Amino acid sequence: MNFQQQQLSISAAIRAEIQRFESVHPNIYAIYDLLERVEEPSVQNQLREHIICIE
């Protein structure tokens, strides 16, 4: 693979990651909104930590 092909491959991978992020981004905000409804702070913190790992 030559340099130009590598650059195109990297650009395609970056575009794919941006599209993936944009597609899940609204869902991440929805999860954080739901998280605010959890009354138990320790459960809220545990869930928040898991969400961060998923991001």
C-alpha atoms as a PDB file:
ATOM      1  CA  MET A   1       0.000   0.000   0.000  1.00  0.00           C
ATOM      2  CA  ASN A   2       1.506   3.323  -1.004  1.00  0.00           C
ATOM      3  CA  PHE A   3       1.398   6.553   0.986  1.00  0.00           C
ATOM      4  CA  GLN A   4      -1.607   7.996  -0.850  1.00  0.00           C
ATOM      5  CA  GLN A   5      -3.610   4.797  -0.343  1.00  0.00           C
ATOM      6  CA  GLN A   6      -2.705   4.835   3.363  1.00  0.00           C
ATOM      7  CA  GLN A   7      -3.894   8.432   3.682  1.00  0.00           C
ATOM      8  CA  LEU A   8      -7.194   7.580   1.976  1.00  0.00           C
ATOM      9  CA  SER A   9      -7.632   4.572   4.244  1.00  0.00           C
ATOM     10  CA  ILE A  10      -6.955   6.654   7.353  1.00  0.00           C
ATOM     11  CA  SER A  11      -9.359   9.365   6.145  1.00  0.00           C
ATOM     12  CA  ALA A  12     -12.068   6.768   5.526  1.00  0.00           C
ATOM     13  CA  ALA A  13     -11.552   5.319   9.011  1.00  0.00           C
ATOM     14  CA  ILE A  14     -11.798   8.786  10.576  1.00  0.00           C
ATOM     15  CA  ARG A  15     -14.986   9.567   8.627  1.00  0.00           C
ATOM     16  CA  ALA A  16     -16.494   6.243   9.713  1.00  0.00           C
ATOM     17  CA  GLU A  17     -15.695   6.971  13.370  1.00  0.00           C
ATOM     18  CA  ILE A  18     -17.226  10.450  13.118  1.00  0.00           C
ATOM     19  CA  GLN A  19     -20.398   8.996  11.578  1.00  0.00           C
ATOM     20  CA  ARG A  20     -20.559   6.333  14.286  1.00  0.00           C
ATOM     21  CA  PHE A  21     -20.192   8.949  17.016  1.00  0.00           C
ATOM     22  CA  GLU A  22     -22.818  11.213  15.474  1.00  0.00           C
ATOM     23  CA  SER A  23     -25.258   8.308  15.262  1.00  0.00           C
ATOM     24  CA  VAL A  24     -24.908   7.368  18.947  1.00  0.00           C
ATOM     25  CA  HIS A  25     -24.469  10.898  20.322  1.00  0.00           C
ATOM     26  CA  PRO A  26     -28.219  11.622  20.820  1.00  0.00           C
ATOM     27  CA  ASN A  27     -28.602   8.291  22.598  1.00  0.00           C
ATOM     28  CA  ILE A  28     -25.765   9.108  24.976  1.00  0.00           C
ATOM     29  CA  TYR A  29     -27.513  12.349  25.963  1.00  0.00           C
ATOM     30  CA  ALA A  30     -30.767  10.434  26.437  1.00  0.00           C
ATOM     31  CA  ILE A  31     -29.016   8.002  28.774  1.00  0.00           C
ATOM     32  CA  TYR A  32     -27.616  10.870  30.854  1.00  0.00           C
ATOM     33  CA  ASP A  33     -31.107  12.401  31.047  1.00  0.00           C
ATOM     34  CA  LEU A  34     -32.498   9.093  32.307  1.00  0.00           C
ATOM     35  CA  LEU A  35     -29.606   8.794  34.732  1.00  0.00           C
ATOM     36  CA  GLU A  36     -30.736  11.995  36.444  1.00  0.00           C
ATOM     37  CA  ARG A  37     -33.996  10.235  37.351  1.00  0.00           C
ATOM     38  CA  VAL A  38     -32.189   7.561  39.375  1.00  0.00           C
ATOM     39  CA  GLU A  39     -32.655   8.565  42.993  1.00  0.00           C
ATOM     40  CA  GLU A  40     -29.870   6.500  44.582  1.00  0.00           C
ATOM     41  CA  PRO A  41     -26.550   8.397  44.223  1.00  0.00           C
ATOM     42  CA  SER A  42     -24.396   5.270  44.430  1.00  0.00           C
ATOM     43  CA  VAL A  43     -26.390   3.573  41.659  1.00  0.00           C
ATOM     44  CA  GLN A  44     -26.258   6.775  39.634  1.00  0.00           C
ATOM     45  CA  ASN A  45     -22.458   6.896  39.977  1.00  0.00           C
ATOM     46  CA  GLN A  46     -22.045   3.234  39.026  1.00  0.00           C
ATOM     47  CA  LEU A  47     -24.210   3.688  35.954  1.00  0.00           C
ATOM     48  CA  ARG A  48     -22.339   6.874  35.003  1.00  0.00           C
ATOM     49  CA  GLU A  49     -19.010   5.016  35.197  1.00  0.00           C
ATOM     50  CA  HIS A  50     -20.340   2.277  32.926  1.00  0.00           C
ATOM     51  CA  ILE A  51     -21.670   4.823  30.443  1.00  0.00           C
ATOM     52  CA  ILE A  52     -18.283   6.536  30.329  1.00  0.00           C
ATOM     53  CA  CYS A  53     -16.617   3.193  29.580  1.00  0.00           C
ATOM     54  CA  ILE A  54     -19.079   2.569  26.751  1.00  0.00           C
ATOM     55  CA  GLU A  55     -18.407   5.993  25.237  1.00  0.00           C
END
